[in-house]
Amino acid sequence: MRIVIAGGHGQIALRLERLLTARSHDVAGVIRTPEQAGDLRAAGAEPVILDLESTTVEEVTEVLKGADAVVFAAGGGGDGNRQRKETVDKGGAILFADAAERAGVRRYVVVSYMGADATHEGDEVFDYYLRAKGEADDYVRSRTGLDWTIVRSGAMKNEGGTGLVSLAERTGRGPVQRDDVAAVLAELLETPGTAGLTLELIGGTTPVKEAVAAVAAAKG
């Protein structure tokens, strides 16, 4: 498959790029600056320079033409900028969803966050983030015809993957290793039976492949 990843230089994206290229997929990562390109090439991915906050749906559509799947893994960053939650976490996800439809790409996997909710209240930066992610998730589910899967992870850690997760519509709160998040995303991309699911993801006791197969089987 050809897979395009928005937010291609993020911690999840770089891990996912390495996994997908190791599985012989053709991977492109969308990044903001040329300085990030070397890291993508080292991960086996083709860098595509495109600023989500200034591009157009037409430009994104051109990038997505010929792809089999899109992963939205971009984020507005942890610098306390509330506006970028709207322009990247929400606006970017909607932009890529619209462009995927125009380009004829049906498979769309979103990296969201546990507790994302368009009606979430509060004025802290994290509250803005949860609202933005929730609004983006709602848009993808209700206003597109994509084969979407939304993954809402618990708090992410960098302590090394275990290969063991809990993946379900409701898991309860808990941490998860970024290596394991990337492994789940790779498996979801290769499991079309998971389309139409919003899944929570935390560390657990089930091997990744079995966890993904189980949610696909439960969907029927």
N, C-alpha and C. Protein backbone atom coordinates (compact mmCIF):
# COMPACT_ATOMS: atom_id res chain seq x y z
N MET A 1 0.83 -1.21 0.00
CA MET A 1 0.00 0.00 0.00
C MET A 1 0.87 1.25 0.00
N ARG A 2 0.31 2.30 -0.56
CA ARG A 2 0.92 3.62 -0.40
C ARG A 2 0.14 4.32 0.70
N ILE A 3 0.87 4.78 1.71
CA ILE A 3 0.27 5.38 2.90
C ILE A 3 0.88 6.75 3.12
N VAL A 4 0.03 7.76 3.27
CA VAL A 4 0.49 9.13 3.53
C VAL A 4 0.16 9.48 4.97
N ILE A 5 1.16 9.97 5.70
CA ILE A 5 1.01 10.28 7.12
C ILE A 5 1.13 11.79 7.33
N ALA A 6 0.07 12.41 7.83
CA ALA A 6 0.11 13.83 8.19
C ALA A 6 0.76 13.96 9.56
N GLY A 7 1.66 14.94 9.68
CA GLY A 7 2.44 15.04 10.91
C GLY A 7 3.59 14.06 10.89
N GLY A 8 4.23 13.96 9.73
CA GLY A 8 5.20 12.90 9.47
C GLY A 8 6.45 12.91 10.31
N HIS A 9 6.71 14.01 11.04
CA HIS A 9 7.91 14.07 11.87
C HIS A 9 7.58 13.89 13.35
N GLY A 10 6.34 13.59 13.67
CA GLY A 10 5.97 13.39 15.06
C GLY A 10 6.50 12.09 15.62
N GLN A 11 6.44 11.96 16.94
CA GLN A 11 7.00 10.78 17.59
C GLN A 11 6.29 9.49 17.18
N ILE A 12 4.96 9.56 17.04
CA ILE A 12 4.22 8.39 16.58
C ILE A 12 4.51 8.14 15.11
N ALA A 13 4.50 9.19 14.31
CA ALA A 13 4.67 9.04 12.87
C ALA A 13 6.01 8.41 12.50
N LEU A 14 7.09 8.87 13.11
CA LEU A 14 8.40 8.30 12.77
C LEU A 14 8.46 6.82 13.12
N ARG A 15 7.88 6.44 14.23
CA ARG A 15 7.82 5.02 14.58
C ARG A 15 6.99 4.24 13.57
N LEU A 16 5.86 4.81 13.19
CA LEU A 16 4.98 4.15 12.24
C LEU A 16 5.63 4.03 10.87
N GLU A 17 6.33 5.06 10.46
CA GLU A 17 7.03 5.01 9.16
C GLU A 17 8.04 3.87 9.13
N ARG A 18 8.77 3.69 10.20
CA ARG A 18 9.74 2.59 10.23
C ARG A 18 9.04 1.23 10.15
N LEU A 19 7.95 1.09 10.87
CA LEU A 19 7.22 -0.18 10.86
C LEU A 19 6.64 -0.47 9.48
N LEU A 20 6.04 0.53 8.87
CA LEU A 20 5.38 0.31 7.58
C LEU A 20 6.38 0.03 6.46
N THR A 21 7.49 0.75 6.46
CA THR A 21 8.48 0.48 5.41
C THR A 21 9.11 -0.90 5.62
N ALA A 22 9.24 -1.34 6.86
CA ALA A 22 9.75 -2.69 7.12
C ALA A 22 8.79 -3.76 6.60
N ARG A 23 7.51 -3.40 6.48
CA ARG A 23 6.50 -4.30 5.94
C ARG A 23 6.32 -4.11 4.43
N SER A 24 7.24 -3.36 3.82
CA SER A 24 7.29 -3.15 2.37
C SER A 24 6.19 -2.23 1.84
N HIS A 25 5.63 -1.39 2.69
CA HIS A 25 4.69 -0.39 2.21
C HIS A 25 5.44 0.83 1.70
N ASP A 26 4.80 1.56 0.81
CA ASP A 26 5.33 2.82 0.27
C ASP A 26 4.78 3.94 1.13
N VAL A 27 5.64 4.67 1.84
CA VAL A 27 5.18 5.61 2.86
C VAL A 27 5.68 7.02 2.54
N ALA A 28 4.78 7.99 2.67
CA ALA A 28 5.14 9.40 2.57
C ALA A 28 4.71 10.10 3.85
N GLY A 29 5.53 11.03 4.31
CA GLY A 29 5.20 11.79 5.52
C GLY A 29 5.12 13.27 5.20
N VAL A 30 4.03 13.90 5.58
CA VAL A 30 3.84 15.33 5.36
C VAL A 30 4.46 16.10 6.52
N ILE A 31 5.37 17.02 6.21
CA ILE A 31 6.10 17.76 7.23
C ILE A 31 6.09 19.25 6.89
N ARG A 32 6.39 20.07 7.91
CA ARG A 32 6.31 21.53 7.74
C ARG A 32 7.59 22.13 7.16
N THR A 33 8.76 21.57 7.52
CA THR A 33 10.01 22.21 7.15
C THR A 33 10.98 21.23 6.51
N PRO A 34 11.79 21.68 5.56
CA PRO A 34 12.77 20.80 4.91
C PRO A 34 13.79 20.22 5.88
N GLU A 35 14.03 20.90 7.01
CA GLU A 35 15.01 20.41 7.98
C GLU A 35 14.61 19.05 8.57
N GLN A 36 13.34 18.71 8.50
CA GLN A 36 12.87 17.45 9.05
C GLN A 36 12.99 16.28 8.06
N ALA A 37 13.32 16.59 6.81
CA ALA A 37 13.28 15.58 5.76
C ALA A 37 14.25 14.43 6.00
N GLY A 38 15.44 14.74 6.53
CA GLY A 38 16.44 13.69 6.74
C GLY A 38 15.96 12.61 7.69
N ASP A 39 15.24 13.01 8.73
CA ASP A 39 14.74 12.03 9.69
C ASP A 39 13.71 11.10 9.03
N LEU A 40 12.90 11.65 8.13
CA LEU A 40 11.93 10.80 7.44
C LEU A 40 12.63 9.82 6.50
N ARG A 41 13.62 10.32 5.78
CA ARG A 41 14.33 9.41 4.87
C ARG A 41 15.01 8.30 5.66
N ALA A 42 15.55 8.64 6.83
CA ALA A 42 16.18 7.62 7.67
C ALA A 42 15.17 6.57 8.14
N ALA A 43 13.90 6.99 8.26
CA ALA A 43 12.84 6.06 8.65
C ALA A 43 12.28 5.30 7.46
N GLY A 44 12.75 5.64 6.26
CA GLY A 44 12.30 4.95 5.05
C GLY A 44 11.15 5.61 4.35
N ALA A 45 10.79 6.83 4.77
CA ALA A 45 9.62 7.51 4.21
C ALA A 45 10.03 8.64 3.27
N GLU A 46 9.16 8.93 2.33
CA GLU A 46 9.35 10.06 1.42
C GLU A 46 8.83 11.33 2.09
N PRO A 47 9.66 12.35 2.24
CA PRO A 47 9.18 13.60 2.84
C PRO A 47 8.41 14.45 1.85
N VAL A 48 7.29 15.00 2.31
CA VAL A 48 6.48 15.93 1.52
C VAL A 48 6.33 17.21 2.33
N ILE A 49 6.81 18.32 1.80
CA ILE A 49 6.78 19.59 2.52
C ILE A 49 5.43 20.27 2.29
N LEU A 50 4.68 20.44 3.36
CA LEU A 50 3.36 21.04 3.25
C LEU A 50 2.95 21.55 4.63
N ASP A 51 2.62 22.80 4.74
CA ASP A 51 2.21 23.39 6.02
C ASP A 51 0.69 23.28 6.15
N LEU A 52 0.22 22.50 7.09
CA LEU A 52 -1.22 22.27 7.24
C LEU A 52 -1.99 23.55 7.49
N GLU A 53 -1.35 24.54 8.08
CA GLU A 53 -2.05 25.77 8.45
C GLU A 53 -2.12 26.80 7.33
N SER A 54 -1.46 26.53 6.21
CA SER A 54 -1.50 27.49 5.11
C SER A 54 -1.81 26.86 3.76
N THR A 55 -1.94 25.54 3.72
CA THR A 55 -2.21 24.86 2.46
C THR A 55 -3.70 24.88 2.14
N THR A 56 -4.05 24.34 0.99
CA THR A 56 -5.44 24.27 0.55
C THR A 56 -5.84 22.82 0.36
N VAL A 57 -7.15 22.59 0.31
CA VAL A 57 -7.62 21.23 0.09
C VAL A 57 -7.18 20.72 -1.28
N GLU A 58 -7.05 21.62 -2.26
CA GLU A 58 -6.60 21.21 -3.58
C GLU A 58 -5.16 20.71 -3.55
N GLU A 59 -4.31 21.41 -2.79
CA GLU A 59 -2.90 20.98 -2.68
C GLU A 59 -2.79 19.65 -1.97
N VAL A 60 -3.55 19.47 -0.91
CA VAL A 60 -3.51 18.19 -0.20
C VAL A 60 -4.05 17.07 -1.07
N THR A 61 -5.09 17.35 -1.83
CA THR A 61 -5.65 16.33 -2.73
C THR A 61 -4.59 15.82 -3.69
N GLU A 62 -3.79 16.72 -4.23
CA GLU A 62 -2.72 16.31 -5.15
C GLU A 62 -1.72 15.38 -4.46
N VAL A 63 -1.39 15.69 -3.22
CA VAL A 63 -0.46 14.85 -2.46
C VAL A 63 -1.04 13.46 -2.22
N LEU A 64 -2.35 13.38 -2.03
CA LEU A 64 -2.98 12.12 -1.67
C LEU A 64 -3.37 11.26 -2.87
N LYS A 65 -3.33 11.81 -4.05
CA LYS A 65 -3.70 11.02 -5.23
C LYS A 65 -2.79 9.80 -5.36
N GLY A 66 -3.40 8.64 -5.57
CA GLY A 66 -2.64 7.40 -5.70
C GLY A 66 -2.38 6.69 -4.39
N ALA A 67 -2.74 7.32 -3.27
CA ALA A 67 -2.55 6.66 -1.97
C ALA A 67 -3.67 5.66 -1.72
N ASP A 68 -3.38 4.68 -0.88
CA ASP A 68 -4.37 3.70 -0.45
C ASP A 68 -4.93 4.01 0.93
N ALA A 69 -4.18 4.78 1.70
CA ALA A 69 -4.61 5.10 3.07
C ALA A 69 -3.93 6.37 3.54
N VAL A 70 -4.60 7.06 4.47
CA VAL A 70 -4.06 8.25 5.10
C VAL A 70 -4.11 8.05 6.61
N VAL A 71 -3.05 8.47 7.28
CA VAL A 71 -3.02 8.50 8.74
C VAL A 71 -2.87 9.94 9.18
N PHE A 72 -3.81 10.42 10.01
CA PHE A 72 -3.66 11.78 10.54
C PHE A 72 -3.04 11.69 11.92
N ALA A 73 -1.75 12.07 11.99
CA ALA A 73 -1.01 12.01 13.25
C ALA A 73 -0.40 13.36 13.60
N ALA A 74 -0.93 14.42 12.99
CA ALA A 74 -0.40 15.76 13.25
C ALA A 74 -0.98 16.32 14.54
N GLY A 75 -0.26 17.26 15.14
CA GLY A 75 -0.74 17.91 16.34
C GLY A 75 -0.23 19.33 16.44
N GLY A 76 -0.95 20.14 17.20
CA GLY A 76 -0.59 21.54 17.34
C GLY A 76 0.55 21.82 18.29
N GLY A 77 1.12 20.75 18.88
CA GLY A 77 2.29 20.95 19.74
C GLY A 77 1.91 21.25 21.17
N GLY A 78 2.91 21.15 22.03
CA GLY A 78 2.69 21.35 23.47
C GLY A 78 3.18 22.68 23.97
N ASP A 79 3.14 23.72 23.12
CA ASP A 79 3.70 25.02 23.49
C ASP A 79 2.67 25.94 24.13
N GLY A 80 1.47 25.44 24.39
CA GLY A 80 0.46 26.27 25.04
C GLY A 80 -0.33 27.14 24.10
N ASN A 81 -0.17 26.95 22.79
CA ASN A 81 -0.87 27.78 21.81
C ASN A 81 -2.27 27.21 21.56
N ARG A 82 -3.28 27.86 22.12
CA ARG A 82 -4.65 27.37 21.96
C ARG A 82 -5.11 27.39 20.50
N GLN A 83 -4.71 28.41 19.76
CA GLN A 83 -5.18 28.57 18.39
C GLN A 83 -4.77 27.38 17.52
N ARG A 84 -3.59 26.83 17.79
CA ARG A 84 -3.11 25.74 16.95
C ARG A 84 -3.88 24.45 17.21
N LYS A 85 -4.59 24.36 18.30
CA LYS A 85 -5.49 23.21 18.49
C LYS A 85 -6.61 23.26 17.45
N GLU A 86 -7.07 24.47 17.16
CA GLU A 86 -8.10 24.66 16.15
C GLU A 86 -7.54 24.46 14.75
N THR A 87 -6.39 25.03 14.46
CA THR A 87 -5.88 25.03 13.09
C THR A 87 -5.23 23.72 12.70
N VAL A 88 -4.65 22.99 13.66
CA VAL A 88 -3.97 21.73 13.33
C VAL A 88 -4.79 20.53 13.79
N ASP A 89 -5.02 20.41 15.09
CA ASP A 89 -5.69 19.21 15.61
C ASP A 89 -7.10 19.05 15.04
N LYS A 90 -7.81 20.14 14.89
CA LYS A 90 -9.14 20.09 14.29
C LYS A 90 -9.08 20.37 12.79
N GLY A 91 -8.61 21.55 12.43
CA GLY A 91 -8.64 21.95 11.03
C GLY A 91 -7.84 21.05 10.12
N GLY A 92 -6.67 20.60 10.58
CA GLY A 92 -5.85 19.73 9.76
C GLY A 92 -6.51 18.38 9.51
N ALA A 93 -7.13 17.82 10.54
CA ALA A 93 -7.79 16.52 10.39
C ALA A 93 -8.96 16.62 9.42
N ILE A 94 -9.72 17.71 9.50
CA ILE A 94 -10.84 17.91 8.58
C ILE A 94 -10.35 18.13 7.16
N LEU A 95 -9.29 18.94 7.02
CA LEU A 95 -8.71 19.21 5.71
C LEU A 95 -8.26 17.92 5.03
N PHE A 96 -7.56 17.07 5.78
CA PHE A 96 -7.07 15.82 5.19
C PHE A 96 -8.21 14.86 4.88
N ALA A 97 -9.26 14.88 5.69
CA ALA A 97 -10.42 14.04 5.40
C ALA A 97 -11.08 14.48 4.10
N ASP A 98 -11.28 15.78 3.93
CA ASP A 98 -11.90 16.29 2.71
C ASP A 98 -11.03 15.97 1.49
N ALA A 99 -9.71 16.15 1.65
CA ALA A 99 -8.80 15.89 0.53
C ALA A 99 -8.76 14.40 0.19
N ALA A 100 -8.83 13.54 1.21
CA ALA A 100 -8.84 12.10 0.95
C ALA A 100 -10.05 11.72 0.11
N GLU A 101 -11.21 12.27 0.45
CA GLU A 101 -12.41 11.98 -0.35
C GLU A 101 -12.23 12.46 -1.78
N ARG A 102 -11.71 13.66 -1.95
CA ARG A 102 -11.52 14.19 -3.30
C ARG A 102 -10.53 13.35 -4.10
N ALA A 103 -9.52 12.83 -3.41
CA ALA A 103 -8.47 12.03 -4.09
C ALA A 103 -8.89 10.58 -4.29
N GLY A 104 -10.04 10.19 -3.74
CA GLY A 104 -10.48 8.81 -3.90
C GLY A 104 -9.82 7.84 -2.95
N VAL A 105 -9.29 8.36 -1.83
CA VAL A 105 -8.66 7.52 -0.82
C VAL A 105 -9.71 7.24 0.26
N ARG A 106 -10.08 6.00 0.44
CA ARG A 106 -11.16 5.70 1.38
C ARG A 106 -10.66 5.46 2.80
N ARG A 107 -9.49 4.85 2.97
CA ARG A 107 -9.04 4.46 4.31
C ARG A 107 -8.42 5.64 5.02
N TYR A 108 -8.93 5.94 6.22
CA TYR A 108 -8.48 7.12 6.96
C TYR A 108 -8.39 6.75 8.43
N VAL A 109 -7.19 6.76 8.98
CA VAL A 109 -6.95 6.41 10.38
C VAL A 109 -6.53 7.67 11.12
N VAL A 110 -7.22 7.96 12.21
CA VAL A 110 -6.98 9.17 12.98
C VAL A 110 -6.36 8.83 14.32
N VAL A 111 -5.27 9.50 14.66
CA VAL A 111 -4.68 9.39 15.99
C VAL A 111 -5.33 10.47 16.85
N SER A 112 -6.25 10.06 17.71
CA SER A 112 -6.96 10.99 18.58
C SER A 112 -6.47 10.79 20.02
N TYR A 113 -7.30 11.14 20.97
CA TYR A 113 -6.87 11.04 22.37
C TYR A 113 -8.06 10.70 23.25
N MET A 114 -7.82 9.89 24.25
CA MET A 114 -8.87 9.48 25.15
C MET A 114 -9.49 10.71 25.84
N GLY A 115 -10.81 10.77 25.84
CA GLY A 115 -11.51 11.90 26.43
C GLY A 115 -11.82 13.01 25.44
N ALA A 116 -11.42 12.85 24.17
CA ALA A 116 -11.76 13.85 23.16
C ALA A 116 -13.27 13.99 23.08
N ASP A 117 -13.75 15.23 23.12
CA ASP A 117 -15.19 15.46 23.20
C ASP A 117 -15.47 16.90 22.79
N ALA A 118 -16.29 17.07 21.78
CA ALA A 118 -16.62 18.40 21.30
C ALA A 118 -17.31 19.25 22.35
N THR A 119 -17.93 18.62 23.34
CA THR A 119 -18.64 19.36 24.38
C THR A 119 -17.84 19.51 25.67
N HIS A 120 -16.58 19.10 25.63
CA HIS A 120 -15.73 19.20 26.83
C HIS A 120 -15.62 20.66 27.27
N GLU A 121 -15.70 20.89 28.55
CA GLU A 121 -15.65 22.25 29.08
C GLU A 121 -14.28 22.57 29.68
N GLY A 122 -14.01 23.87 29.80
CA GLY A 122 -12.76 24.31 30.43
C GLY A 122 -11.99 25.26 29.56
N ASP A 123 -11.07 26.02 30.17
CA ASP A 123 -10.31 27.04 29.46
C ASP A 123 -8.80 26.79 29.46
N GLU A 124 -8.38 25.65 29.98
CA GLU A 124 -6.96 25.32 29.90
C GLU A 124 -6.62 24.85 28.48
N VAL A 125 -5.33 24.86 28.15
CA VAL A 125 -4.91 24.46 26.81
C VAL A 125 -5.35 23.02 26.51
N PHE A 126 -5.25 22.15 27.51
CA PHE A 126 -5.63 20.76 27.28
C PHE A 126 -7.14 20.64 27.03
N ASP A 127 -7.93 21.51 27.62
CA ASP A 127 -9.37 21.52 27.35
C ASP A 127 -9.64 21.88 25.89
N TYR A 128 -8.91 22.86 25.39
CA TYR A 128 -9.04 23.23 23.98
C TYR A 128 -8.66 22.05 23.08
N TYR A 129 -7.62 21.35 23.49
CA TYR A 129 -7.15 20.18 22.72
C TYR A 129 -8.22 19.10 22.65
N LEU A 130 -8.82 18.77 23.78
CA LEU A 130 -9.85 17.73 23.81
C LEU A 130 -11.06 18.12 22.98
N ARG A 131 -11.44 19.39 23.03
CA ARG A 131 -12.56 19.85 22.20
C ARG A 131 -12.22 19.76 20.72
N ALA A 132 -11.02 20.23 20.37
CA ALA A 132 -10.62 20.21 18.96
C ALA A 132 -10.58 18.79 18.41
N LYS A 133 -9.99 17.87 19.18
CA LYS A 133 -9.94 16.48 18.73
C LYS A 133 -11.34 15.89 18.62
N GLY A 134 -12.20 16.23 19.61
CA GLY A 134 -13.56 15.72 19.57
C GLY A 134 -14.34 16.22 18.36
N GLU A 135 -14.18 17.50 18.04
CA GLU A 135 -14.86 18.07 16.88
C GLU A 135 -14.35 17.44 15.58
N ALA A 136 -13.05 17.22 15.50
CA ALA A 136 -12.49 16.59 14.32
C ALA A 136 -13.00 15.16 14.17
N ASP A 137 -13.01 14.41 15.27
CA ASP A 137 -13.51 13.03 15.23
C ASP A 137 -14.97 13.00 14.78
N ASP A 138 -15.78 13.90 15.31
CA ASP A 138 -17.20 13.96 14.94
C ASP A 138 -17.36 14.23 13.45
N TYR A 139 -16.55 15.12 12.92
CA TYR A 139 -16.63 15.45 11.50
C TYR A 139 -16.31 14.23 10.64
N VAL A 140 -15.24 13.56 10.97
CA VAL A 140 -14.83 12.39 10.18
C VAL A 140 -15.91 11.31 10.22
N ARG A 141 -16.51 11.11 11.37
CA ARG A 141 -17.53 10.06 11.51
C ARG A 141 -18.84 10.39 10.82
N SER A 142 -19.25 11.66 10.92
CA SER A 142 -20.61 11.98 10.49
C SER A 142 -20.72 12.72 9.16
N ARG A 143 -19.62 13.28 8.70
CA ARG A 143 -19.71 14.12 7.51
C ARG A 143 -18.81 13.67 6.37
N THR A 144 -18.27 12.48 6.46
CA THR A 144 -17.49 11.91 5.36
C THR A 144 -17.98 10.49 5.08
N GLY A 145 -17.62 10.01 3.91
CA GLY A 145 -17.92 8.62 3.56
C GLY A 145 -16.69 7.75 3.59
N LEU A 146 -15.71 8.16 4.38
CA LEU A 146 -14.44 7.44 4.45
C LEU A 146 -14.57 6.15 5.26
N ASP A 147 -13.65 5.24 5.02
CA ASP A 147 -13.51 4.04 5.86
C ASP A 147 -12.58 4.40 7.02
N TRP A 148 -13.13 5.07 8.00
CA TRP A 148 -12.32 5.64 9.07
C TRP A 148 -12.18 4.69 10.26
N THR A 149 -11.07 4.84 10.94
CA THR A 149 -10.87 4.26 12.27
C THR A 149 -10.24 5.35 13.13
N ILE A 150 -10.82 5.59 14.29
CA ILE A 150 -10.31 6.61 15.21
C ILE A 150 -9.72 5.91 16.41
N VAL A 151 -8.46 6.21 16.72
CA VAL A 151 -7.76 5.59 17.84
C VAL A 151 -7.53 6.64 18.92
N ARG A 152 -8.15 6.42 20.07
CA ARG A 152 -8.02 7.35 21.20
C ARG A 152 -7.13 6.71 22.25
N SER A 153 -5.90 7.14 22.28
CA SER A 153 -4.92 6.54 23.19
C SER A 153 -5.01 7.14 24.58
N GLY A 154 -4.50 6.40 25.55
CA GLY A 154 -4.24 6.96 26.87
C GLY A 154 -2.97 7.79 26.84
N ALA A 155 -2.50 8.21 28.00
CA ALA A 155 -1.28 9.01 28.09
C ALA A 155 -0.10 8.23 27.52
N MET A 156 0.63 8.85 26.59
CA MET A 156 1.70 8.15 25.88
C MET A 156 3.03 8.27 26.62
N LYS A 157 3.77 7.16 26.59
CA LYS A 157 5.07 7.07 27.26
C LYS A 157 6.14 6.64 26.25
N ASN A 158 7.38 6.91 26.60
CA ASN A 158 8.53 6.55 25.76
C ASN A 158 9.44 5.57 26.47
N GLU A 159 8.87 4.57 27.09
CA GLU A 159 9.67 3.64 27.89
C GLU A 159 9.91 2.30 27.19
N GLY A 160 9.58 2.24 25.89
CA GLY A 160 9.80 1.02 25.13
C GLY A 160 8.55 0.19 25.03
N GLY A 161 8.28 -0.29 23.83
CA GLY A 161 7.07 -1.06 23.60
C GLY A 161 7.10 -2.42 24.26
N THR A 162 5.92 -2.88 24.65
CA THR A 162 5.77 -4.22 25.22
C THR A 162 5.14 -5.18 24.23
N GLY A 163 4.46 -4.61 23.21
CA GLY A 163 3.72 -5.45 22.27
C GLY A 163 2.40 -5.94 22.82
N LEU A 164 2.04 -5.47 24.02
CA LEU A 164 0.81 -5.90 24.69
C LEU A 164 -0.06 -4.69 24.96
N VAL A 165 -1.34 -4.77 24.57
CA VAL A 165 -2.23 -3.62 24.68
C VAL A 165 -3.62 -4.05 25.10
N SER A 166 -4.41 -3.06 25.43
CA SER A 166 -5.85 -3.21 25.57
C SER A 166 -6.48 -2.29 24.55
N LEU A 167 -7.30 -2.83 23.64
CA LEU A 167 -7.89 -2.07 22.53
C LEU A 167 -9.37 -2.43 22.47
N ALA A 168 -10.23 -1.44 22.67
CA ALA A 168 -11.66 -1.69 22.70
C ALA A 168 -12.40 -0.36 22.61
N GLU A 169 -13.72 -0.41 22.45
CA GLU A 169 -14.49 0.82 22.45
C GLU A 169 -14.34 1.56 23.77
N ARG A 170 -14.23 0.81 24.86
CA ARG A 170 -13.98 1.40 26.18
C ARG A 170 -12.95 0.54 26.90
N THR A 171 -11.86 1.16 27.32
CA THR A 171 -10.81 0.41 28.02
C THR A 171 -10.64 0.87 29.46
N GLY A 172 -11.14 2.07 29.78
CA GLY A 172 -10.73 2.71 31.02
C GLY A 172 -9.40 3.40 30.78
N ARG A 173 -9.05 4.30 31.67
CA ARG A 173 -7.85 5.11 31.47
C ARG A 173 -6.59 4.35 31.84
N GLY A 174 -5.49 4.77 31.24
CA GLY A 174 -4.20 4.16 31.53
C GLY A 174 -3.17 4.64 30.53
N PRO A 175 -1.90 4.40 30.79
CA PRO A 175 -0.84 4.81 29.87
C PRO A 175 -0.64 3.79 28.76
N VAL A 176 0.08 4.20 27.74
CA VAL A 176 0.44 3.30 26.65
C VAL A 176 1.77 3.78 26.06
N GLN A 177 2.59 2.85 25.64
CA GLN A 177 3.87 3.20 25.04
C GLN A 177 3.69 3.62 23.58
N ARG A 178 4.42 4.66 23.18
CA ARG A 178 4.30 5.12 21.80
C ARG A 178 4.66 4.02 20.80
N ASP A 179 5.63 3.18 21.12
CA ASP A 179 5.96 2.06 20.24
C ASP A 179 4.74 1.17 20.00
N ASP A 180 3.95 0.97 21.04
CA ASP A 180 2.77 0.11 20.91
C ASP A 180 1.65 0.81 20.16
N VAL A 181 1.53 2.12 20.31
CA VAL A 181 0.55 2.87 19.52
C VAL A 181 0.87 2.72 18.04
N ALA A 182 2.13 2.91 17.68
CA ALA A 182 2.52 2.78 16.28
C ALA A 182 2.27 1.37 15.76
N ALA A 183 2.53 0.37 16.58
CA ALA A 183 2.29 -1.02 16.17
C ALA A 183 0.81 -1.28 15.92
N VAL A 184 -0.04 -0.71 16.76
CA VAL A 184 -1.49 -0.86 16.57
C VAL A 184 -1.92 -0.17 15.28
N LEU A 185 -1.43 1.02 15.03
CA LEU A 185 -1.78 1.74 13.81
C LEU A 185 -1.39 0.95 12.57
N ALA A 186 -0.20 0.38 12.58
CA ALA A 186 0.25 -0.42 11.43
C ALA A 186 -0.67 -1.61 11.21
N GLU A 187 -1.07 -2.25 12.28
CA GLU A 187 -1.95 -3.42 12.17
C GLU A 187 -3.34 -3.00 11.69
N LEU A 188 -3.84 -1.87 12.18
CA LEU A 188 -5.16 -1.38 11.75
C LEU A 188 -5.18 -1.08 10.25
N LEU A 189 -4.10 -0.52 9.75
CA LEU A 189 -4.03 -0.20 8.32
C LEU A 189 -4.13 -1.46 7.47
N GLU A 190 -3.69 -2.56 8.00
CA GLU A 190 -3.72 -3.82 7.25
C GLU A 190 -4.97 -4.65 7.59
N THR A 191 -5.88 -4.08 8.37
CA THR A 191 -7.08 -4.80 8.78
C THR A 191 -8.30 -3.97 8.43
N PRO A 192 -8.80 -4.06 7.19
CA PRO A 192 -9.92 -3.20 6.77
C PRO A 192 -11.19 -3.44 7.57
N GLY A 193 -11.32 -4.57 8.24
CA GLY A 193 -12.51 -4.85 9.04
C GLY A 193 -12.64 -3.96 10.26
N THR A 194 -11.68 -3.10 10.51
CA THR A 194 -11.76 -2.18 11.66
C THR A 194 -12.33 -0.82 11.25
N ALA A 195 -12.70 -0.64 10.01
CA ALA A 195 -13.28 0.63 9.57
C ALA A 195 -14.60 0.87 10.30
N GLY A 196 -14.85 2.12 10.66
CA GLY A 196 -16.08 2.48 11.33
C GLY A 196 -16.03 2.33 12.84
N LEU A 197 -14.84 2.14 13.40
CA LEU A 197 -14.69 1.95 14.84
C LEU A 197 -13.95 3.13 15.48
N THR A 198 -14.43 3.54 16.64
CA THR A 198 -13.69 4.46 17.50
C THR A 198 -13.19 3.64 18.67
N LEU A 199 -11.87 3.55 18.81
CA LEU A 199 -11.26 2.63 19.76
C LEU A 199 -10.39 3.35 20.77
N GLU A 200 -10.48 2.93 22.01
CA GLU A 200 -9.55 3.40 23.03
C GLU A 200 -8.38 2.42 23.13
N LEU A 201 -7.21 2.96 23.47
CA LEU A 201 -5.98 2.16 23.48
C LEU A 201 -5.13 2.49 24.69
N ILE A 202 -4.82 1.48 25.48
CA ILE A 202 -3.89 1.61 26.60
C ILE A 202 -3.01 0.37 26.63
N GLY A 203 -2.00 0.40 27.48
CA GLY A 203 -1.21 -0.81 27.69
C GLY A 203 -2.07 -1.91 28.28
N GLY A 204 -1.74 -3.16 27.97
CA GLY A 204 -2.58 -4.26 28.44
C GLY A 204 -1.86 -5.59 28.43
N THR A 205 -2.60 -6.64 28.14
CA THR A 205 -2.05 -7.99 28.20
C THR A 205 -2.22 -8.77 26.90
N THR A 206 -2.80 -8.14 25.87
CA THR A 206 -3.09 -8.83 24.62
C THR A 206 -2.09 -8.42 23.54
N PRO A 207 -1.46 -9.36 22.85
CA PRO A 207 -0.57 -9.00 21.75
C PRO A 207 -1.29 -8.14 20.71
N VAL A 208 -0.55 -7.21 20.14
CA VAL A 208 -1.15 -6.23 19.23
C VAL A 208 -1.97 -6.88 18.12
N LYS A 209 -1.40 -7.85 17.44
CA LYS A 209 -2.10 -8.47 16.32
C LYS A 209 -3.41 -9.10 16.77
N GLU A 210 -3.38 -9.77 17.93
CA GLU A 210 -4.60 -10.39 18.44
C GLU A 210 -5.62 -9.35 18.87
N ALA A 211 -5.16 -8.24 19.42
CA ALA A 211 -6.08 -7.19 19.87
C ALA A 211 -6.82 -6.57 18.68
N VAL A 212 -6.09 -6.33 17.59
CA VAL A 212 -6.72 -5.76 16.41
C VAL A 212 -7.67 -6.77 15.77
N ALA A 213 -7.24 -8.01 15.69
CA ALA A 213 -8.10 -9.05 15.11
C ALA A 213 -9.38 -9.20 15.92
N ALA A 214 -9.29 -9.05 17.23
CA ALA A 214 -10.46 -9.21 18.09
C ALA A 214 -11.49 -8.11 17.86
N VAL A 215 -11.05 -6.85 17.71
CA VAL A 215 -12.03 -5.79 17.49
C VAL A 215 -12.65 -5.91 16.10
N ALA A 216 -11.87 -6.38 15.13
CA ALA A 216 -12.42 -6.60 13.79
C ALA A 216 -13.47 -7.71 13.82
N ALA A 217 -13.19 -8.79 14.55
CA ALA A 217 -14.13 -9.90 14.66
C ALA A 217 -15.40 -9.49 15.38
N ALA A 218 -15.26 -8.67 16.40
CA ALA A 218 -16.42 -8.23 17.17
C ALA A 218 -17.32 -7.35 16.33
N LYS A 219 -16.72 -6.57 15.43
CA LYS A 219 -17.51 -5.72 14.54
C LYS A 219 -18.30 -6.57 13.56
N GLY A 220 -17.69 -7.72 13.19
CA GLY A 220 -18.36 -8.63 12.26
C GLY A 220 -18.22 -8.18 10.83
